[in-house]
């Protein structure tokens, strides 16, 4: 996320990064090398004890269900989710980008696309025309979502996977890395392979 912010600022944006919150073990030396600081646990961001009350947030976690939980906590506390779009990402006309979305370098969003709240498009991923991605979707590096596809809430499209046109991937489904999805996927199902087949619920 810091790379995206730095690239945006180099292109003329003015985003101040106050620091990171994390409930798990945090590599403080790594943050210090990047000129960032550790602010504490999520509760501290939520209750305002370490930040300006007007500070916004982004969630740099890949798992959609975790982003959903954290968004609920922080939004209830009055925090505002920001949108980050790397200057090397492209967004076509007639697109709608929800609060908290993150588009990294090389992400391609063509035309008439809806990206739901806190959707993440990772490096060199592509979304085809007339597609709808519901809230908390993750599209990992190099994945391709063809035109007129619907990805339900919390769907994950793995690295290098391909979703063919006109398909629906149900909420909470997971498409494995390198898979080629040729038919609809039911909610909560994990698919993998070429063509993609269910391997677990």
N, C-alpha and C. Protein backbone atom coordinates (compact mmCIF):
# COMPACT_ATOMS: atom_id res chain seq x y z
N UNK A 1 0.81 -1.18 0.00
CA UNK A 1 0.00 0.00 0.00
C UNK A 1 0.86 1.25 0.00
N UNK A 2 1.97 1.19 0.73
CA UNK A 2 2.88 2.33 0.77
C UNK A 2 3.46 2.62 -0.61
N UNK A 3 3.77 1.58 -1.38
CA UNK A 3 4.26 1.79 -2.74
C UNK A 3 3.24 2.54 -3.58
N UNK A 4 1.96 2.18 -3.44
CA UNK A 4 0.91 2.85 -4.21
C UNK A 4 0.81 4.32 -3.79
N UNK A 5 0.82 4.57 -2.50
CA UNK A 5 0.73 5.95 -2.02
C UNK A 5 1.92 6.77 -2.50
N UNK A 6 3.13 6.21 -2.41
CA UNK A 6 4.31 6.95 -2.85
C UNK A 6 4.24 7.27 -4.34
N UNK A 7 3.77 6.33 -5.14
CA UNK A 7 3.63 6.57 -6.58
C UNK A 7 2.57 7.65 -6.84
N UNK A 8 1.47 7.61 -6.10
CA UNK A 8 0.44 8.63 -6.26
C UNK A 8 0.97 10.01 -5.89
N UNK A 9 1.72 10.09 -4.80
CA UNK A 9 2.29 11.38 -4.39
C UNK A 9 3.30 11.89 -5.41
N UNK A 10 4.10 10.98 -5.99
CA UNK A 10 5.06 11.39 -7.02
C UNK A 10 4.36 11.95 -8.25
N UNK A 11 3.10 11.50 -8.46
CA UNK A 11 2.33 11.97 -9.61
C UNK A 11 1.49 13.21 -9.29
N UNK A 12 1.62 13.71 -8.05
CA UNK A 12 0.94 14.96 -7.72
C UNK A 12 -0.10 14.89 -6.63
N UNK A 13 -0.38 13.70 -6.10
CA UNK A 13 -1.33 13.60 -4.98
C UNK A 13 -0.67 14.12 -3.70
N UNK A 14 -1.46 14.28 -2.67
CA UNK A 14 -0.95 14.76 -1.38
C UNK A 14 -1.55 13.90 -0.27
N UNK A 15 -0.99 12.72 -0.09
CA UNK A 15 -1.47 11.79 0.92
C UNK A 15 -0.39 11.62 1.97
N UNK A 16 -0.73 11.93 3.21
CA UNK A 16 0.20 11.75 4.32
C UNK A 16 -0.08 10.40 4.98
N UNK A 17 0.95 9.57 5.08
CA UNK A 17 0.82 8.27 5.74
C UNK A 17 1.24 8.44 7.20
N UNK A 18 0.27 8.31 8.08
CA UNK A 18 0.56 8.45 9.51
C UNK A 18 1.27 7.22 10.04
N UNK A 19 0.86 6.03 9.58
CA UNK A 19 1.49 4.81 10.04
C UNK A 19 0.58 3.62 9.83
N UNK A 20 0.95 2.52 10.44
CA UNK A 20 0.27 1.24 10.28
C UNK A 20 -0.29 0.77 11.62
N UNK A 21 -1.45 0.12 11.56
CA UNK A 21 -1.97 -0.59 12.73
C UNK A 21 -1.98 -2.08 12.38
N UNK A 22 -1.77 -2.90 13.38
CA UNK A 22 -1.68 -4.34 13.16
C UNK A 22 -1.88 -5.04 14.50
N UNK A 23 -2.76 -6.04 14.50
CA UNK A 23 -3.00 -6.81 15.73
C UNK A 23 -1.98 -7.92 15.92
N UNK A 24 -1.24 -8.26 14.88
CA UNK A 24 -0.27 -9.35 14.95
C UNK A 24 1.13 -8.78 15.19
N UNK A 25 2.13 -9.67 15.19
CA UNK A 25 3.51 -9.22 15.31
C UNK A 25 3.87 -8.36 14.10
N UNK A 26 4.51 -7.25 14.34
CA UNK A 26 4.84 -6.30 13.29
C UNK A 26 6.35 -6.12 13.23
N UNK A 27 6.88 -6.09 12.00
CA UNK A 27 8.31 -5.87 11.81
C UNK A 27 8.60 -4.37 11.85
N UNK A 28 8.88 -3.87 13.04
CA UNK A 28 9.16 -2.44 13.19
C UNK A 28 10.38 -2.03 12.38
N UNK A 29 11.48 -2.83 12.36
CA UNK A 29 12.63 -2.42 11.52
C UNK A 29 12.27 -2.26 10.05
N UNK A 30 11.40 -3.14 9.52
CA UNK A 30 10.98 -3.02 8.13
C UNK A 30 10.22 -1.71 7.91
N UNK A 31 9.30 -1.39 8.82
CA UNK A 31 8.57 -0.14 8.70
C UNK A 31 9.52 1.06 8.78
N UNK A 32 10.48 0.99 9.68
CA UNK A 32 11.40 2.11 9.84
C UNK A 32 12.24 2.33 8.59
N UNK A 33 12.62 1.22 7.91
CA UNK A 33 13.37 1.36 6.66
C UNK A 33 12.58 2.11 5.61
N UNK A 34 11.26 2.01 5.67
CA UNK A 34 10.40 2.69 4.71
C UNK A 34 9.91 4.04 5.23
N UNK A 35 10.41 4.45 6.38
CA UNK A 35 10.00 5.73 6.93
C UNK A 35 8.59 5.73 7.49
N UNK A 36 8.10 4.56 7.86
CA UNK A 36 6.75 4.44 8.42
C UNK A 36 6.85 4.04 9.88
N UNK A 37 5.75 4.19 10.59
CA UNK A 37 5.78 3.81 12.00
C UNK A 37 4.58 2.94 12.37
N UNK A 38 4.78 2.17 13.42
CA UNK A 38 3.75 1.28 13.94
C UNK A 38 2.93 2.04 14.96
N UNK A 39 1.60 2.04 14.80
CA UNK A 39 0.72 2.83 15.65
C UNK A 39 0.03 2.02 16.74
N UNK A 40 0.10 0.68 16.62
CA UNK A 40 -0.57 -0.15 17.61
C UNK A 40 -1.62 -1.04 16.97
N UNK A 41 -2.55 -1.49 17.80
CA UNK A 41 -3.59 -2.41 17.35
C UNK A 41 -4.76 -1.67 16.71
N UNK A 42 -5.64 -2.43 16.07
CA UNK A 42 -6.78 -1.85 15.36
C UNK A 42 -7.65 -1.03 16.30
N UNK A 43 -7.83 -1.49 17.52
CA UNK A 43 -8.70 -0.78 18.46
C UNK A 43 -8.22 0.65 18.68
N UNK A 44 -6.89 0.85 18.61
CA UNK A 44 -6.36 2.19 18.82
C UNK A 44 -6.73 3.12 17.66
N UNK A 45 -6.76 2.59 16.43
CA UNK A 45 -7.21 3.39 15.30
C UNK A 45 -8.71 3.66 15.42
N UNK A 46 -9.44 2.65 15.87
CA UNK A 46 -10.90 2.81 15.97
C UNK A 46 -11.29 3.83 17.02
N UNK A 47 -10.58 3.82 18.17
CA UNK A 47 -11.01 4.73 19.25
C UNK A 47 -10.34 6.10 19.18
N UNK A 48 -9.43 6.28 18.20
CA UNK A 48 -8.85 7.59 17.99
C UNK A 48 -7.74 7.96 18.96
N UNK A 49 -7.25 7.00 19.74
CA UNK A 49 -6.27 7.33 20.76
C UNK A 49 -4.90 7.68 20.19
N UNK A 50 -4.61 7.27 18.93
CA UNK A 50 -3.29 7.56 18.37
C UNK A 50 -3.35 8.43 17.12
N UNK A 51 -4.54 8.78 16.63
CA UNK A 51 -4.65 9.48 15.36
C UNK A 51 -5.61 10.64 15.41
N UNK A 52 -5.39 11.58 14.50
CA UNK A 52 -6.36 12.64 14.24
C UNK A 52 -7.70 11.98 13.94
N UNK A 53 -8.78 12.47 14.52
CA UNK A 53 -10.09 11.85 14.27
C UNK A 53 -10.49 11.83 12.79
N UNK A 54 -9.93 12.72 11.99
CA UNK A 54 -10.27 12.78 10.58
C UNK A 54 -9.45 11.88 9.69
N UNK A 55 -8.52 11.13 10.26
CA UNK A 55 -7.64 10.28 9.44
C UNK A 55 -8.43 9.16 8.78
N UNK A 56 -8.19 8.96 7.49
CA UNK A 56 -8.83 7.87 6.76
C UNK A 56 -8.02 6.60 6.87
N UNK A 57 -8.49 5.54 6.18
CA UNK A 57 -7.79 4.27 6.26
C UNK A 57 -7.94 3.49 4.97
N UNK A 58 -6.98 2.60 4.74
CA UNK A 58 -7.09 1.55 3.74
C UNK A 58 -6.72 0.24 4.43
N UNK A 59 -7.21 -0.87 3.88
CA UNK A 59 -6.96 -2.17 4.49
C UNK A 59 -6.11 -2.99 3.53
N UNK A 60 -4.86 -3.21 3.90
CA UNK A 60 -3.92 -3.94 3.05
C UNK A 60 -3.86 -5.41 3.38
N UNK A 61 -4.99 -6.06 3.49
CA UNK A 61 -5.07 -7.48 3.82
C UNK A 61 -5.79 -8.19 2.67
N UNK A 62 -5.25 -9.30 2.22
CA UNK A 62 -5.80 -9.99 1.05
C UNK A 62 -7.13 -10.68 1.30
N UNK A 63 -7.36 -11.19 2.48
CA UNK A 63 -8.57 -11.97 2.76
C UNK A 63 -9.78 -11.06 2.89
N UNK A 64 -10.77 -11.28 2.00
CA UNK A 64 -11.95 -10.43 1.99
C UNK A 64 -12.75 -10.45 3.28
N UNK A 65 -12.86 -11.62 3.93
CA UNK A 65 -13.65 -11.69 5.16
C UNK A 65 -12.99 -10.90 6.29
N UNK A 66 -11.65 -10.81 6.27
CA UNK A 66 -10.96 -9.99 7.28
C UNK A 66 -11.18 -8.51 6.98
N UNK A 67 -11.11 -8.14 5.70
CA UNK A 67 -11.37 -6.75 5.34
C UNK A 67 -12.79 -6.35 5.75
N UNK A 68 -13.76 -7.25 5.56
CA UNK A 68 -15.14 -6.96 5.96
C UNK A 68 -15.22 -6.67 7.46
N UNK A 69 -14.57 -7.51 8.25
CA UNK A 69 -14.63 -7.33 9.71
C UNK A 69 -13.99 -6.01 10.13
N UNK A 70 -12.80 -5.72 9.59
CA UNK A 70 -12.09 -4.49 9.97
C UNK A 70 -12.83 -3.25 9.48
N UNK A 71 -13.41 -3.34 8.29
CA UNK A 71 -14.17 -2.21 7.78
C UNK A 71 -15.35 -1.90 8.70
N UNK A 72 -16.00 -2.95 9.19
CA UNK A 72 -17.11 -2.73 10.12
C UNK A 72 -16.67 -2.00 11.38
N UNK A 73 -15.54 -2.43 11.94
CA UNK A 73 -15.02 -1.81 13.17
C UNK A 73 -14.67 -0.35 12.93
N UNK A 74 -13.94 -0.10 11.85
CA UNK A 74 -13.42 1.25 11.62
C UNK A 74 -14.50 2.20 11.13
N UNK A 75 -15.43 1.71 10.33
CA UNK A 75 -16.52 2.56 9.87
C UNK A 75 -17.45 2.93 11.01
N UNK A 76 -17.72 1.97 11.89
CA UNK A 76 -18.56 2.25 13.06
C UNK A 76 -17.91 3.30 13.95
N UNK A 77 -16.57 3.32 13.95
CA UNK A 77 -15.84 4.31 14.75
C UNK A 77 -15.76 5.67 14.05
N UNK A 78 -16.36 5.78 12.87
CA UNK A 78 -16.38 7.06 12.18
C UNK A 78 -15.22 7.30 11.24
N UNK A 79 -14.41 6.29 11.00
CA UNK A 79 -13.28 6.42 10.08
C UNK A 79 -13.78 6.32 8.63
N UNK A 80 -13.04 6.98 7.72
CA UNK A 80 -13.45 7.03 6.32
C UNK A 80 -12.47 6.22 5.46
N UNK A 81 -12.96 5.23 4.70
CA UNK A 81 -12.06 4.48 3.82
C UNK A 81 -11.65 5.33 2.61
N UNK A 82 -10.39 5.23 2.25
CA UNK A 82 -9.85 5.95 1.10
C UNK A 82 -9.76 5.02 -0.11
N UNK A 83 -9.65 5.59 -1.29
CA UNK A 83 -9.42 4.85 -2.53
C UNK A 83 -7.99 5.12 -2.97
N UNK A 84 -7.24 4.05 -3.29
CA UNK A 84 -5.88 4.20 -3.80
C UNK A 84 -5.83 3.62 -5.21
N UNK A 85 -5.37 4.44 -6.16
CA UNK A 85 -5.22 4.00 -7.55
C UNK A 85 -3.82 4.37 -8.01
N UNK A 86 -3.00 3.37 -8.24
CA UNK A 86 -1.63 3.60 -8.70
C UNK A 86 -1.67 4.33 -10.04
N UNK A 87 -0.78 5.30 -10.27
CA UNK A 87 -0.79 6.01 -11.54
C UNK A 87 -0.51 5.14 -12.76
N UNK A 88 0.01 3.93 -12.55
CA UNK A 88 0.22 3.00 -13.67
C UNK A 88 -0.93 2.02 -13.83
N UNK A 89 -2.01 2.21 -13.08
CA UNK A 89 -3.26 1.48 -13.33
C UNK A 89 -4.07 2.29 -14.34
N UNK A 90 -4.98 1.61 -15.05
CA UNK A 90 -5.84 2.33 -15.99
C UNK A 90 -7.31 2.03 -15.67
N UNK A 91 -8.12 3.08 -15.76
CA UNK A 91 -9.55 2.96 -15.51
C UNK A 91 -10.28 3.61 -16.69
N UNK A 92 -11.10 2.83 -17.38
CA UNK A 92 -11.84 3.34 -18.52
C UNK A 92 -13.06 4.13 -18.12
N UNK A 93 -13.90 4.44 -19.11
CA UNK A 93 -15.07 5.25 -18.87
C UNK A 93 -16.22 4.48 -18.26
N UNK A 94 -17.12 5.21 -17.60
CA UNK A 94 -18.34 4.66 -17.03
C UNK A 94 -18.07 3.55 -16.02
N UNK A 95 -17.08 3.79 -15.16
CA UNK A 95 -16.75 2.82 -14.11
C UNK A 95 -17.08 3.41 -12.75
N UNK A 96 -17.47 2.55 -11.84
CA UNK A 96 -17.82 2.95 -10.48
C UNK A 96 -16.89 2.23 -9.52
N UNK A 97 -16.19 3.02 -8.71
CA UNK A 97 -15.18 2.47 -7.80
C UNK A 97 -15.60 2.75 -6.38
N UNK A 98 -15.84 1.69 -5.61
CA UNK A 98 -16.34 1.83 -4.25
C UNK A 98 -15.30 2.30 -3.26
N UNK A 99 -15.77 2.75 -2.12
CA UNK A 99 -14.88 3.21 -1.05
C UNK A 99 -13.92 2.10 -0.63
N UNK A 100 -12.68 2.48 -0.37
CA UNK A 100 -11.70 1.54 0.14
C UNK A 100 -11.01 0.70 -0.93
N UNK A 101 -11.37 0.88 -2.20
CA UNK A 101 -10.75 0.08 -3.26
C UNK A 101 -9.27 0.41 -3.42
N UNK A 102 -8.50 -0.59 -3.82
CA UNK A 102 -7.08 -0.43 -4.07
C UNK A 102 -6.77 -1.03 -5.43
N UNK A 103 -6.22 -0.21 -6.33
CA UNK A 103 -5.78 -0.65 -7.66
C UNK A 103 -4.28 -0.46 -7.73
N UNK A 104 -3.55 -1.54 -7.86
CA UNK A 104 -2.09 -1.47 -7.85
C UNK A 104 -1.56 -1.29 -9.27
N UNK A 105 -0.22 -1.23 -9.40
CA UNK A 105 0.41 -0.96 -10.69
C UNK A 105 0.00 -2.00 -11.73
N UNK A 106 -0.36 -1.51 -12.91
CA UNK A 106 -0.69 -2.40 -14.01
C UNK A 106 -2.10 -2.95 -14.00
N UNK A 107 -2.89 -2.65 -12.98
CA UNK A 107 -4.28 -3.11 -12.97
C UNK A 107 -5.03 -2.43 -14.10
N UNK A 108 -5.89 -3.19 -14.79
CA UNK A 108 -6.63 -2.66 -15.94
C UNK A 108 -8.12 -2.82 -15.70
N UNK A 109 -8.83 -1.71 -15.72
CA UNK A 109 -10.28 -1.70 -15.58
C UNK A 109 -10.81 -1.06 -16.86
N UNK A 110 -11.57 -1.80 -17.64
CA UNK A 110 -11.95 -1.31 -18.97
C UNK A 110 -13.15 -0.37 -18.90
N UNK A 111 -14.35 -0.81 -19.23
CA UNK A 111 -15.48 0.11 -19.29
C UNK A 111 -16.74 -0.51 -18.69
N UNK A 112 -17.59 0.36 -18.12
CA UNK A 112 -18.84 -0.06 -17.50
C UNK A 112 -18.61 -1.17 -16.48
N UNK A 113 -17.76 -0.87 -15.52
CA UNK A 113 -17.39 -1.85 -14.48
C UNK A 113 -17.73 -1.27 -13.12
N UNK A 114 -18.24 -2.12 -12.25
CA UNK A 114 -18.52 -1.73 -10.87
C UNK A 114 -17.57 -2.50 -9.96
N UNK A 115 -16.82 -1.75 -9.15
CA UNK A 115 -15.96 -2.34 -8.13
C UNK A 115 -16.56 -2.02 -6.77
N UNK A 116 -16.93 -3.06 -6.03
CA UNK A 116 -17.56 -2.86 -4.73
C UNK A 116 -16.58 -2.39 -3.67
N UNK A 117 -17.11 -2.11 -2.53
CA UNK A 117 -16.35 -1.59 -1.40
C UNK A 117 -15.16 -2.50 -1.05
N UNK A 118 -14.01 -1.88 -0.84
CA UNK A 118 -12.78 -2.57 -0.43
C UNK A 118 -12.39 -3.71 -1.37
N UNK A 119 -12.65 -3.54 -2.65
CA UNK A 119 -12.16 -4.49 -3.63
C UNK A 119 -10.70 -4.19 -3.94
N UNK A 120 -9.90 -5.24 -4.11
CA UNK A 120 -8.47 -5.08 -4.41
C UNK A 120 -8.16 -5.69 -5.77
N UNK A 121 -7.50 -4.91 -6.63
CA UNK A 121 -6.97 -5.41 -7.90
C UNK A 121 -5.46 -5.34 -7.82
N UNK A 122 -4.83 -6.51 -7.81
CA UNK A 122 -3.39 -6.58 -7.62
C UNK A 122 -2.64 -6.40 -8.94
N UNK A 123 -1.33 -6.44 -8.86
CA UNK A 123 -0.45 -6.08 -9.98
C UNK A 123 -0.81 -6.84 -11.26
N UNK A 124 -0.99 -6.08 -12.35
CA UNK A 124 -1.22 -6.62 -13.69
C UNK A 124 -2.47 -7.49 -13.81
N UNK A 125 -3.46 -7.24 -12.99
CA UNK A 125 -4.75 -7.93 -13.15
C UNK A 125 -5.61 -7.12 -14.12
N UNK A 126 -6.60 -7.77 -14.74
CA UNK A 126 -7.42 -7.10 -15.74
C UNK A 126 -8.89 -7.48 -15.56
N UNK A 127 -9.76 -6.47 -15.67
CA UNK A 127 -11.20 -6.68 -15.54
C UNK A 127 -11.86 -6.24 -16.84
N UNK A 128 -12.60 -7.17 -17.48
CA UNK A 128 -13.25 -6.89 -18.76
C UNK A 128 -14.53 -6.10 -18.62
N UNK A 129 -14.99 -5.59 -19.74
CA UNK A 129 -16.16 -4.71 -19.83
C UNK A 129 -17.40 -5.31 -19.18
N UNK A 130 -18.21 -4.42 -18.64
CA UNK A 130 -19.55 -4.78 -18.12
C UNK A 130 -19.52 -5.78 -16.98
N UNK A 131 -18.42 -5.84 -16.26
CA UNK A 131 -18.33 -6.77 -15.13
C UNK A 131 -18.71 -6.07 -13.83
N UNK A 132 -19.19 -6.87 -12.88
CA UNK A 132 -19.55 -6.36 -11.56
C UNK A 132 -18.79 -7.17 -10.52
N UNK A 133 -18.00 -6.48 -9.70
CA UNK A 133 -17.29 -7.10 -8.60
C UNK A 133 -17.91 -6.57 -7.32
N UNK A 134 -18.51 -7.43 -6.53
CA UNK A 134 -19.16 -7.00 -5.30
C UNK A 134 -18.12 -6.64 -4.25
N UNK A 135 -18.58 -6.32 -3.05
CA UNK A 135 -17.68 -5.87 -1.97
C UNK A 135 -16.66 -6.94 -1.59
N UNK A 136 -15.47 -6.48 -1.20
CA UNK A 136 -14.42 -7.30 -0.59
C UNK A 136 -13.87 -8.38 -1.53
N UNK A 137 -13.91 -8.12 -2.82
CA UNK A 137 -13.33 -9.04 -3.80
C UNK A 137 -11.83 -8.81 -3.89
N UNK A 138 -11.07 -9.89 -4.12
CA UNK A 138 -9.62 -9.81 -4.34
C UNK A 138 -9.29 -10.46 -5.67
N UNK A 139 -8.61 -9.72 -6.55
CA UNK A 139 -8.13 -10.25 -7.82
C UNK A 139 -6.61 -10.17 -7.78
N UNK A 140 -5.96 -11.32 -7.69
CA UNK A 140 -4.52 -11.37 -7.44
C UNK A 140 -3.70 -11.16 -8.71
N UNK A 141 -2.38 -11.02 -8.58
CA UNK A 141 -1.54 -10.61 -9.72
C UNK A 141 -1.72 -11.47 -10.96
N UNK A 142 -1.82 -10.78 -12.10
CA UNK A 142 -1.86 -11.45 -13.38
C UNK A 142 -3.15 -12.15 -13.71
N UNK A 143 -4.16 -12.05 -12.86
CA UNK A 143 -5.44 -12.70 -13.14
C UNK A 143 -6.25 -11.88 -14.13
N UNK A 144 -7.07 -12.57 -14.91
CA UNK A 144 -7.90 -11.93 -15.93
C UNK A 144 -9.35 -12.31 -15.71
N UNK A 145 -10.19 -11.30 -15.57
CA UNK A 145 -11.63 -11.48 -15.46
C UNK A 145 -12.22 -10.93 -16.76
N UNK A 146 -12.81 -11.79 -17.56
CA UNK A 146 -13.33 -11.38 -18.87
C UNK A 146 -14.61 -10.55 -18.73
N UNK A 147 -15.15 -10.13 -19.87
CA UNK A 147 -16.31 -9.26 -19.87
C UNK A 147 -17.58 -9.90 -19.36
N UNK A 148 -18.45 -9.05 -18.78
CA UNK A 148 -19.78 -9.45 -18.34
C UNK A 148 -19.74 -10.57 -17.29
N UNK A 149 -18.77 -10.49 -16.40
CA UNK A 149 -18.62 -11.46 -15.30
C UNK A 149 -19.14 -10.82 -14.02
N UNK A 150 -19.75 -11.63 -13.16
CA UNK A 150 -20.18 -11.17 -11.84
C UNK A 150 -19.42 -11.95 -10.78
N UNK A 151 -18.65 -11.23 -9.96
CA UNK A 151 -17.95 -11.82 -8.83
C UNK A 151 -18.68 -11.42 -7.56
N UNK A 152 -19.19 -12.41 -6.83
CA UNK A 152 -19.94 -12.13 -5.61
C UNK A 152 -19.06 -11.63 -4.49
N UNK A 153 -19.70 -11.23 -3.40
CA UNK A 153 -18.97 -10.67 -2.26
C UNK A 153 -17.92 -11.63 -1.75
N UNK A 154 -16.71 -11.09 -1.50
CA UNK A 154 -15.64 -11.85 -0.90
C UNK A 154 -14.97 -12.87 -1.79
N UNK A 155 -15.23 -12.85 -3.10
CA UNK A 155 -14.59 -13.78 -4.02
C UNK A 155 -13.10 -13.47 -4.12
N UNK A 156 -12.29 -14.53 -4.23
CA UNK A 156 -10.85 -14.38 -4.48
C UNK A 156 -10.52 -15.06 -5.80
N UNK A 157 -9.85 -14.31 -6.69
CA UNK A 157 -9.37 -14.85 -7.95
C UNK A 157 -7.86 -14.96 -7.82
N UNK A 158 -7.33 -16.18 -7.83
CA UNK A 158 -5.92 -16.43 -7.56
C UNK A 158 -4.99 -15.94 -8.66
N UNK A 159 -3.72 -15.88 -8.35
CA UNK A 159 -2.69 -15.39 -9.25
C UNK A 159 -2.73 -16.13 -10.59
N UNK A 160 -2.77 -15.35 -11.67
CA UNK A 160 -2.71 -15.93 -13.00
C UNK A 160 -3.95 -16.68 -13.45
N UNK A 161 -5.03 -16.64 -12.69
CA UNK A 161 -6.25 -17.34 -13.07
C UNK A 161 -6.99 -16.57 -14.16
N UNK A 162 -7.85 -17.27 -14.88
CA UNK A 162 -8.66 -16.66 -15.94
C UNK A 162 -10.12 -17.05 -15.77
N UNK A 163 -10.99 -16.06 -15.83
CA UNK A 163 -12.43 -16.29 -15.75
C UNK A 163 -13.02 -15.91 -17.11
N UNK A 164 -13.64 -16.87 -17.78
CA UNK A 164 -14.17 -16.63 -19.12
C UNK A 164 -15.42 -15.75 -19.08
N UNK A 165 -15.82 -15.19 -20.24
CA UNK A 165 -16.91 -14.21 -20.27
C UNK A 165 -18.25 -14.75 -19.79
N UNK A 166 -19.03 -13.84 -19.20
CA UNK A 166 -20.42 -14.10 -18.88
C UNK A 166 -20.68 -14.98 -17.69
N UNK A 167 -19.67 -15.29 -16.89
CA UNK A 167 -19.84 -16.23 -15.78
C UNK A 167 -20.15 -15.52 -14.47
N UNK A 168 -20.69 -16.29 -13.53
CA UNK A 168 -20.95 -15.82 -12.17
C UNK A 168 -20.16 -16.67 -11.20
N UNK A 169 -19.39 -16.00 -10.34
CA UNK A 169 -18.64 -16.67 -9.28
C UNK A 169 -19.32 -16.29 -7.97
N UNK A 170 -19.88 -17.28 -7.27
CA UNK A 170 -20.69 -17.01 -6.10
C UNK A 170 -19.90 -16.46 -4.92
N UNK A 171 -20.59 -15.80 -4.02
CA UNK A 171 -19.97 -15.16 -2.86
C UNK A 171 -19.09 -16.13 -2.08
N UNK A 172 -17.92 -15.64 -1.71
CA UNK A 172 -17.01 -16.43 -0.88
C UNK A 172 -16.26 -17.52 -1.62
N UNK A 173 -16.45 -17.63 -2.92
CA UNK A 173 -15.74 -18.66 -3.69
C UNK A 173 -14.27 -18.27 -3.86
N UNK A 174 -13.44 -19.28 -4.09
CA UNK A 174 -11.99 -19.08 -4.26
C UNK A 174 -11.57 -19.80 -5.54
N UNK A 175 -10.95 -19.04 -6.45
CA UNK A 175 -10.43 -19.60 -7.70
C UNK A 175 -8.93 -19.72 -7.55
N UNK A 176 -8.42 -20.95 -7.64
CA UNK A 176 -7.00 -21.20 -7.41
C UNK A 176 -6.10 -20.58 -8.46
N UNK A 177 -4.84 -20.42 -8.10
CA UNK A 177 -3.85 -19.84 -9.00
C UNK A 177 -3.77 -20.63 -10.30
N UNK A 178 -3.75 -19.92 -11.43
CA UNK A 178 -3.60 -20.55 -12.73
C UNK A 178 -4.82 -21.26 -13.26
N UNK A 179 -5.92 -21.23 -12.54
CA UNK A 179 -7.13 -21.92 -12.99
C UNK A 179 -7.75 -21.21 -14.19
N UNK A 180 -8.49 -21.96 -14.98
CA UNK A 180 -9.28 -21.39 -16.07
C UNK A 180 -10.74 -21.75 -15.79
N UNK A 181 -11.54 -20.75 -15.47
CA UNK A 181 -12.92 -20.97 -15.09
C UNK A 181 -13.79 -20.89 -16.34
N UNK A 182 -14.46 -22.00 -16.65
CA UNK A 182 -15.26 -22.09 -17.88
C UNK A 182 -16.75 -22.20 -17.60
N UNK A 183 -17.14 -22.30 -16.32
CA UNK A 183 -18.57 -22.38 -15.96
C UNK A 183 -18.77 -21.69 -14.62
N UNK A 184 -20.02 -21.40 -14.28
CA UNK A 184 -20.33 -20.72 -13.03
C UNK A 184 -19.78 -21.50 -11.84
N UNK A 185 -19.45 -20.76 -10.77
CA UNK A 185 -18.95 -21.36 -9.54
C UNK A 185 -19.93 -21.05 -8.42
N UNK A 186 -20.34 -22.07 -7.68
CA UNK A 186 -21.29 -21.86 -6.59
C UNK A 186 -20.65 -21.13 -5.42
N UNK A 187 -21.46 -20.45 -4.60
CA UNK A 187 -20.92 -19.74 -3.45
C UNK A 187 -20.13 -20.66 -2.53
N UNK A 188 -19.03 -20.14 -2.01
CA UNK A 188 -18.24 -20.85 -1.01
C UNK A 188 -17.40 -21.99 -1.52
N UNK A 189 -17.35 -22.20 -2.82
CA UNK A 189 -16.62 -23.34 -3.39
C UNK A 189 -15.23 -22.89 -3.81
N UNK A 190 -14.24 -23.76 -3.61
CA UNK A 190 -12.89 -23.54 -4.14
C UNK A 190 -12.73 -24.37 -5.40
N UNK A 191 -12.29 -23.72 -6.48
CA UNK A 191 -12.05 -24.43 -7.73
C UNK A 191 -10.59 -24.26 -8.13
N UNK A 192 -10.07 -25.25 -8.87
CA UNK A 192 -8.69 -25.20 -9.34
C UNK A 192 -8.57 -26.03 -10.60
N UNK A 193 -7.51 -25.76 -11.36
CA UNK A 193 -7.22 -26.57 -12.53
C UNK A 193 -7.68 -25.97 -13.83
N UNK A 194 -7.40 -26.70 -14.92
CA UNK A 194 -7.75 -26.28 -16.27
C UNK A 194 -8.47 -27.44 -16.97
N UNK A 195 -9.78 -27.36 -17.18
CA UNK A 195 -10.66 -26.31 -16.67
C UNK A 195 -10.86 -26.43 -15.17
N UNK A 196 -11.30 -25.35 -14.55
CA UNK A 196 -11.44 -25.34 -13.10
C UNK A 196 -12.54 -26.28 -12.64
N UNK A 197 -12.23 -27.07 -11.61
CA UNK A 197 -13.19 -28.00 -10.98
C UNK A 197 -13.22 -27.79 -9.48
N UNK A 198 -14.38 -28.04 -8.84
CA UNK A 198 -14.45 -27.88 -7.38
C UNK A 198 -13.51 -28.86 -6.67
N UNK A 199 -12.81 -28.35 -5.68
CA UNK A 199 -11.96 -29.23 -4.86
C UNK A 199 -12.36 -29.22 -3.40
N UNK A 200 -13.14 -28.21 -2.96
CA UNK A 200 -13.59 -28.15 -1.57
C UNK A 200 -14.64 -27.08 -1.42
N UNK A 201 -15.39 -27.14 -0.32
CA UNK A 201 -16.29 -26.06 0.05
C UNK A 201 -15.76 -25.42 1.32
